[in-house]
C-alpha atoms as a PDB file:
ATOM      1  CA  UNK A   1     226.167  76.754 231.198  1.00  0.00           C
ATOM      2  CA  UNK A   2     226.996  78.068 227.761  1.00  0.00           C
ATOM      3  CA  UNK A   3     230.558  79.231 227.088  1.00  0.00           C
ATOM      4  CA  UNK A   4     231.109  82.002 224.655  1.00  0.00           C
ATOM      5  CA  UNK A   5     234.446  81.968 223.071  1.00  0.00           C
ATOM      6  CA  UNK A   6     234.185  84.174 219.855  1.00  0.00           C
ATOM      7  CA  UNK A   7     233.784  88.023 219.742  1.00  0.00           C
ATOM      8  CA  UNK A   8     232.195  89.791 216.732  1.00  0.00           C
ATOM      9  CA  UNK A   9     233.232  93.396 217.092  1.00  0.00           C
ATOM     10  CA  UNK A  10     230.218  95.690 217.312  1.00  0.00           C
ATOM     11  CA  UNK A  11     228.000  92.624 215.886  1.00  0.00           C
ATOM     12  CA  UNK A  12     229.344  93.171 212.511  1.00  0.00           C
ATOM     13  CA  UNK A  13     227.631  91.170 209.812  1.00  0.00           C
ATOM     14  CA  UNK A  14     224.727  90.189 211.931  1.00  0.00           C
ATOM     15  CA  UNK A  15     221.099  90.786 211.086  1.00  0.00           C
ATOM     16  CA  UNK A  16     219.273  93.290 213.398  1.00  0.00           C
ATOM     17  CA  UNK A  17     216.524  90.699 213.825  1.00  0.00           C
ATOM     18  CA  UNK A  18     219.092  88.023 215.259  1.00  0.00           C
ATOM     19  CA  UNK A  19     220.432  90.792 217.674  1.00  0.00           C
ATOM     20  CA  UNK A  20     217.050  91.722 218.947  1.00  0.00           C
ATOM     21  CA  UNK A  21     216.339  88.290 219.984  1.00  0.00           C
ATOM     22  CA  UNK A  22     219.708  87.875 221.602  1.00  0.00           C
ATOM     23  CA  UNK A  23     219.953  87.876 225.384  1.00  0.00           C
ATOM     24  CA  UNK A  24     222.627  90.462 226.659  1.00  0.00           C
ATOM     25  CA  UNK A  25     225.139  90.940 229.551  1.00  0.00           C
ATOM     26  CA  UNK A  26     225.658  94.328 231.261  1.00  0.00           C
ATOM     27  CA  UNK A  27     229.306  94.656 232.084  1.00  0.00           C
ATOM     28  CA  UNK A  28     231.360  97.423 233.621  1.00  0.00           C
ATOM     29  CA  UNK A  29     234.790  98.256 232.327  1.00  0.00           C
ATOM     30  CA  UNK A  30     236.714  95.977 234.733  1.00  0.00           C
ATOM     31  CA  UNK A  31     234.905  92.876 233.720  1.00  0.00           C
ATOM     32  CA  UNK A  32     235.050  93.566 230.103  1.00  0.00           C
ATOM     33  CA  UNK A  33     238.869  93.697 230.253  1.00  0.00           C
ATOM     34  CA  UNK A  34     238.914  89.975 231.627  1.00  0.00           C
ATOM     35  CA  UNK A  35     239.237  87.020 229.236  1.00  0.00           C
ATOM     36  CA  UNK A  36     237.702  84.484 231.474  1.00  0.00           C
ATOM     37  CA  UNK A  37     234.633  84.959 233.791  1.00  0.00           C
ATOM     38  CA  UNK A  38     231.128  83.810 234.544  1.00  0.00           C
ATOM     39  CA  UNK A  39     228.058  85.932 234.839  1.00  0.00           C
ATOM     40  CA  UNK A  40     224.385  86.011 234.230  1.00  0.00           C
ATOM     41  CA  UNK A  41     222.515  87.025 231.203  1.00  0.00           C
ATOM     42  CA  UNK A  42     219.305  89.070 230.869  1.00  0.00           C
ATOM     43  CA  UNK A  43     217.436  85.896 230.826  1.00  0.00           C
ATOM     44  CA  UNK A  44     218.892  84.922 234.223  1.00  0.00           C
ATOM     45  CA  UNK A  45     220.831  82.170 232.707  1.00  0.00           C
ATOM     46  CA  UNK A  46     224.492  81.407 233.793  1.00  0.00           C
ATOM     47  CA  UNK A  47     227.171  82.100 231.058  1.00  0.00           C
ATOM     48  CA  UNK A  48     230.926  81.726 230.860  1.00  0.00           C
ATOM     49  CA  UNK A  49     233.233  83.821 228.754  1.00  0.00           C
ATOM     50  CA  UNK A  50     236.376  82.443 227.520  1.00  0.00           C
ATOM     51  CA  UNK A  51     238.117  84.698 225.049  1.00  0.00           C
ATOM     52  CA  UNK A  52     241.740  85.358 223.964  1.00  0.00           C
ATOM     53  CA  UNK A  53     243.908  87.083 226.455  1.00  0.00           C
ATOM     54  CA  UNK A  54     244.195  90.735 225.933  1.00  0.00           C
ATOM     55  CA  UNK A  55     240.945  90.957 224.007  1.00  0.00           C
ATOM     56  CA  UNK A  56     238.626  93.836 225.427  1.00  0.00           C
ATOM     57  CA  UNK A  57     234.829  93.816 225.038  1.00  0.00           C
ATOM     58  CA  UNK A  58     233.040  96.979 224.107  1.00  0.00           C
ATOM     59  CA  UNK A  59     229.502  97.902 224.409  1.00  0.00           C
ATOM     60  CA  UNK A  60     227.627  96.506 221.211  1.00  0.00           C
ATOM     61  CA  UNK A  61     230.025  93.498 220.804  1.00  0.00           C
ATOM     62  CA  UNK A  62     228.523  90.304 220.205  1.00  0.00           C
ATOM     63  CA  UNK A  63     229.707  87.008 221.822  1.00  0.00           C
ATOM     64  CA  UNK A  64     229.209  83.776 219.878  1.00  0.00           C
ATOM     65  CA  UNK A  65     228.791  80.663 222.165  1.00  0.00           C
ATOM     66  CA  UNK A  66     229.921  77.156 221.571  1.00  0.00           C
ATOM     67  CA  UNK A  67     226.296  76.179 220.706  1.00  0.00           C
ATOM     68  CA  UNK A  68     226.130  79.040 218.084  1.00  0.00           C
ATOM     69  CA  UNK A  69     223.966  81.346 220.155  1.00  0.00           C
ATOM     70  CA  UNK A  70     224.614  85.038 220.256  1.00  0.00           C
ATOM     71  CA  UNK A  71     225.030  87.185 223.428  1.00  0.00           C
ATOM     72  CA  UNK A  72     225.035  91.071 223.189  1.00  0.00           C
ATOM     73  CA  UNK A  73     227.664  92.928 225.404  1.00  0.00           C
ATOM     74  CA  UNK A  74     226.238  96.196 226.860  1.00  0.00           C
ATOM     75  CA  UNK A  75     228.664  98.735 228.662  1.00  0.00           C
ATOM     76  CA  UNK A  76     227.155  99.055 232.061  1.00  0.00           C
ATOM     77  CA  UNK A  77     226.854 102.469 233.732  1.00  0.00           C
ATOM     78  CA  UNK A  78     229.560 102.869 236.352  1.00  0.00           C
ATOM     79  CA  UNK A  79     230.872 105.834 238.371  1.00  0.00           C
ATOM     80  CA  UNK A  80     233.162 108.012 236.232  1.00  0.00           C
ATOM     81  CA  UNK A  81     234.659 111.492 236.477  1.00  0.00           C
ATOM     82  CA  UNK A  82     233.411 113.533 233.391  1.00  0.00           C
ATOM     83  CA  UNK A  83     235.738 116.296 232.718  1.00  0.00           C
ATOM     84  CA  UNK A  84     234.697 119.456 230.675  1.00  0.00           C
ATOM     85  CA  UNK A  85     236.158 122.828 230.157  1.00  0.00           C
ATOM     86  CA  UNK A  86     234.891 125.769 231.843  1.00  0.00           C
ATOM     87  CA  UNK A  87     233.871 128.445 229.019  1.00  0.00           C
ATOM     88  CA  UNK A  88     234.378 131.230 231.575  1.00  0.00           C
ATOM     89  CA  UNK A  89     237.975 130.605 232.229  1.00  0.00           C
ATOM     90  CA  UNK A  90     239.420 128.334 229.635  1.00  0.00           C
ATOM     91  CA  UNK A  91     238.796 126.853 226.185  1.00  0.00           C
ATOM     92  CA  UNK A  92     238.315 123.455 224.589  1.00  0.00           C
ATOM     93  CA  UNK A  93     242.078 123.153 224.275  1.00  0.00           C
ATOM     94  CA  UNK A  94     242.144 122.623 228.194  1.00  0.00           C
ATOM     95  CA  UNK A  95     240.698 119.012 227.390  1.00  0.00           C
ATOM     96  CA  UNK A  96     243.889 118.297 225.271  1.00  0.00           C
ATOM     97  CA  UNK A  97     246.050 119.533 228.080  1.00  0.00           C
ATOM     98  CA  UNK A  98     244.174 117.353 230.511  1.00  0.00           C
ATOM     99  CA  UNK A  99     244.533 114.314 228.262  1.00  0.00           C
ATOM    100  CA  UNK A 100     248.263 114.792 227.819  1.00  0.00           C
ATOM    101  CA  UNK A 101     248.635 114.848 231.690  1.00  0.00           C
ATOM    102  CA  UNK A 102     246.439 111.888 232.320  1.00  0.00           C
ATOM    103  CA  UNK A 103     248.252 110.078 229.584  1.00  0.00           C
ATOM    104  CA  UNK A 104     251.654 110.648 231.242  1.00  0.00           C
ATOM    105  CA  UNK A 105     250.042 108.958 234.342  1.00  0.00           C
ATOM    106  CA  UNK A 106     248.839 105.932 232.231  1.00  0.00           C
ATOM    107  CA  UNK A 107     245.334 106.614 233.405  1.00  0.00           C
ATOM    108  CA  UNK A 108     242.695 104.704 231.221  1.00  0.00           C
ATOM    109  CA  UNK A 109     240.688 107.581 229.495  1.00  0.00           C
ATOM    110  CA  UNK A 110     237.781 107.924 227.439  1.00  0.00           C
ATOM    111  CA  UNK A 111     238.089 110.730 224.798  1.00  0.00           C
ATOM    112  CA  UNK A 112     235.167 112.633 223.477  1.00  0.00           C
ATOM    113  CA  UNK A 113     235.031 115.817 221.741  1.00  0.00           C
ATOM    114  CA  UNK A 114     233.116 117.671 224.318  1.00  0.00           C
ATOM    115  CA  UNK A 115     234.503 115.808 227.455  1.00  0.00           C
ATOM    116  CA  UNK A 116     236.853 113.174 228.849  1.00  0.00           C
ATOM    117  CA  UNK A 117     236.095 110.516 231.223  1.00  0.00           C
ATOM    118  CA  UNK A 118     238.205 108.588 233.837  1.00  0.00           C
ATOM    119  CA  UNK A 119     237.684 106.222 236.747  1.00  0.00           C
ATOM    120  CA  UNK A 120     237.144 108.165 239.937  1.00  0.00           C
ATOM    121  CA  UNK A 121     240.276 109.249 241.461  1.00  0.00           C
ATOM    122  CA  UNK A 122     240.308 112.190 244.031  1.00  0.00           C
ATOM    123  CA  UNK A 123     243.952 113.081 243.371  1.00  0.00           C
ATOM    124  CA  UNK A 124     243.370 113.468 239.590  1.00  0.00           C
ATOM    125  CA  UNK A 125     240.106 115.216 240.342  1.00  0.00           C
ATOM    126  CA  UNK A 126     241.983 117.998 242.400  1.00  0.00           C
ATOM    127  CA  UNK A 127     244.713 118.149 239.586  1.00  0.00           C
ATOM    128  CA  UNK A 128     241.985 118.726 237.047  1.00  0.00           C
ATOM    129  CA  UNK A 129     240.209 121.225 238.977  1.00  0.00           C
ATOM    130  CA  UNK A 130     243.536 123.258 239.530  1.00  0.00           C
ATOM    131  CA  UNK A 131     243.753 123.156 235.753  1.00  0.00           C
ATOM    132  CA  UNK A 132     240.387 125.226 235.832  1.00  0.00           C
ATOM    133  CA  UNK A 133     238.397 122.090 234.275  1.00  0.00           C
ATOM    134  CA  UNK A 134     234.987 121.217 235.381  1.00  0.00           C
ATOM    135  CA  UNK A 135     235.113 117.554 237.069  1.00  0.00           C
ATOM    136  CA  UNK A 136     231.731 115.789 237.737  1.00  0.00           C
ATOM    137  CA  UNK A 137     231.114 112.312 239.149  1.00  0.00           C
ATOM    138  CA  UNK A 138     228.492 110.717 237.140  1.00  0.00           C
ATOM    139  CA  UNK A 139     227.101 107.232 236.287  1.00  0.00           C
ATOM    140  CA  UNK A 140     227.686 106.428 232.601  1.00  0.00           C
ATOM    141  CA  UNK A 141     229.154 103.590 230.335  1.00  0.00           C
ATOM    142  CA  UNK A 142     233.194 103.666 230.310  1.00  0.00           C
ATOM    143  CA  UNK A 143     234.794 102.921 227.027  1.00  0.00           C
ATOM    144  CA  UNK A 144     238.462 104.173 227.387  1.00  0.00           C
ATOM    145  CA  UNK A 145     240.884 104.199 224.433  1.00  0.00           C
ATOM    146  CA  UNK A 146     243.165 101.234 224.065  1.00  0.00           C
ATOM    147  CA  UNK A 147     246.738 101.682 223.324  1.00  0.00           C
ATOM    148  CA  UNK A 148     247.835 102.638 219.699  1.00  0.00           C
ATOM    149  CA  UNK A 149     249.446  99.256 219.266  1.00  0.00           C
ATOM    150  CA  UNK A 150     246.572  97.184 220.608  1.00  0.00           C
ATOM    151  CA  UNK A 151     244.900  94.466 218.457  1.00  0.00           C
ATOM    152  CA  UNK A 152     241.432  96.758 218.755  1.00  0.00           C
ATOM    153  CA  UNK A 153     243.272  99.797 217.290  1.00  0.00           C
ATOM    154  CA  UNK A 154     244.854  97.880 214.449  1.00  0.00           C
ATOM    155  CA  UNK A 155     241.398  96.424 213.592  1.00  0.00           C
ATOM    156  CA  UNK A 156     239.749  99.740 213.722  1.00  0.00           C
ATOM    157  CA  UNK A 157     242.183 101.283 211.408  1.00  0.00           C
ATOM    158  CA  UNK A 158     242.903  98.472 209.078  1.00  0.00           C
ATOM    159  CA  UNK A 159     242.633 100.222 205.690  1.00  0.00           C
ATOM    160  CA  UNK A 160     244.707 101.113 202.683  1.00  0.00           C
ATOM    161  CA  UNK A 161     246.242 104.566 203.255  1.00  0.00           C
ATOM    162  CA  UNK A 162     246.934 104.981 199.361  1.00  0.00           C
ATOM    163  CA  UNK A 163     243.564 106.377 198.649  1.00  0.00           C
ATOM    164  CA  UNK A 164     243.497 108.850 201.534  1.00  0.00           C
ATOM    165  CA  UNK A 165     246.161 111.195 200.352  1.00  0.00           C
ATOM    166  CA  UNK A 166     248.536 109.844 202.980  1.00  0.00           C
ATOM    167  CA  UNK A 167     252.133 109.396 201.895  1.00  0.00           C
ATOM    168  CA  UNK A 168     255.020 107.347 203.143  1.00  0.00           C
ATOM    169  CA  UNK A 169     257.253 109.193 205.522  1.00  0.00           C
ATOM    170  CA  UNK A 170     260.910 108.418 205.127  1.00  0.00           C
END
């Protein structure tokens, strides 16, 4: 069994040809949050994943094995609730309100411009429907936001603000 111990976020820096030849693992959100697990890759080979605690795998990440091999991570379709606004009874702002209420409940949530996604929960579905939102259970990849203080968030926004017109507050 090959153990994969390093994560290249989004496969950054790897040649497309290398990635095309690499086997993959299709993982749901629950498994992509774990730091240690065993599974089977697309070539039916057993693999082990041992990464730093708190590190989250995303679809399109690439794992590096102890032998130098690569393994693509795919976000597996799973049941989610897709939440959209009702054009007849509301507006896109209703999604902002829904995100606020879901955030107050510490619900993992995927934020998109046209919709929100959460894991299935009939109580939350009822609350959202009462807010005149459209809630559909579908099979789709689930890529919820990480916290603003997470390592993933810091990595995604690590840049110099001086050139963006942002000013220090204080």
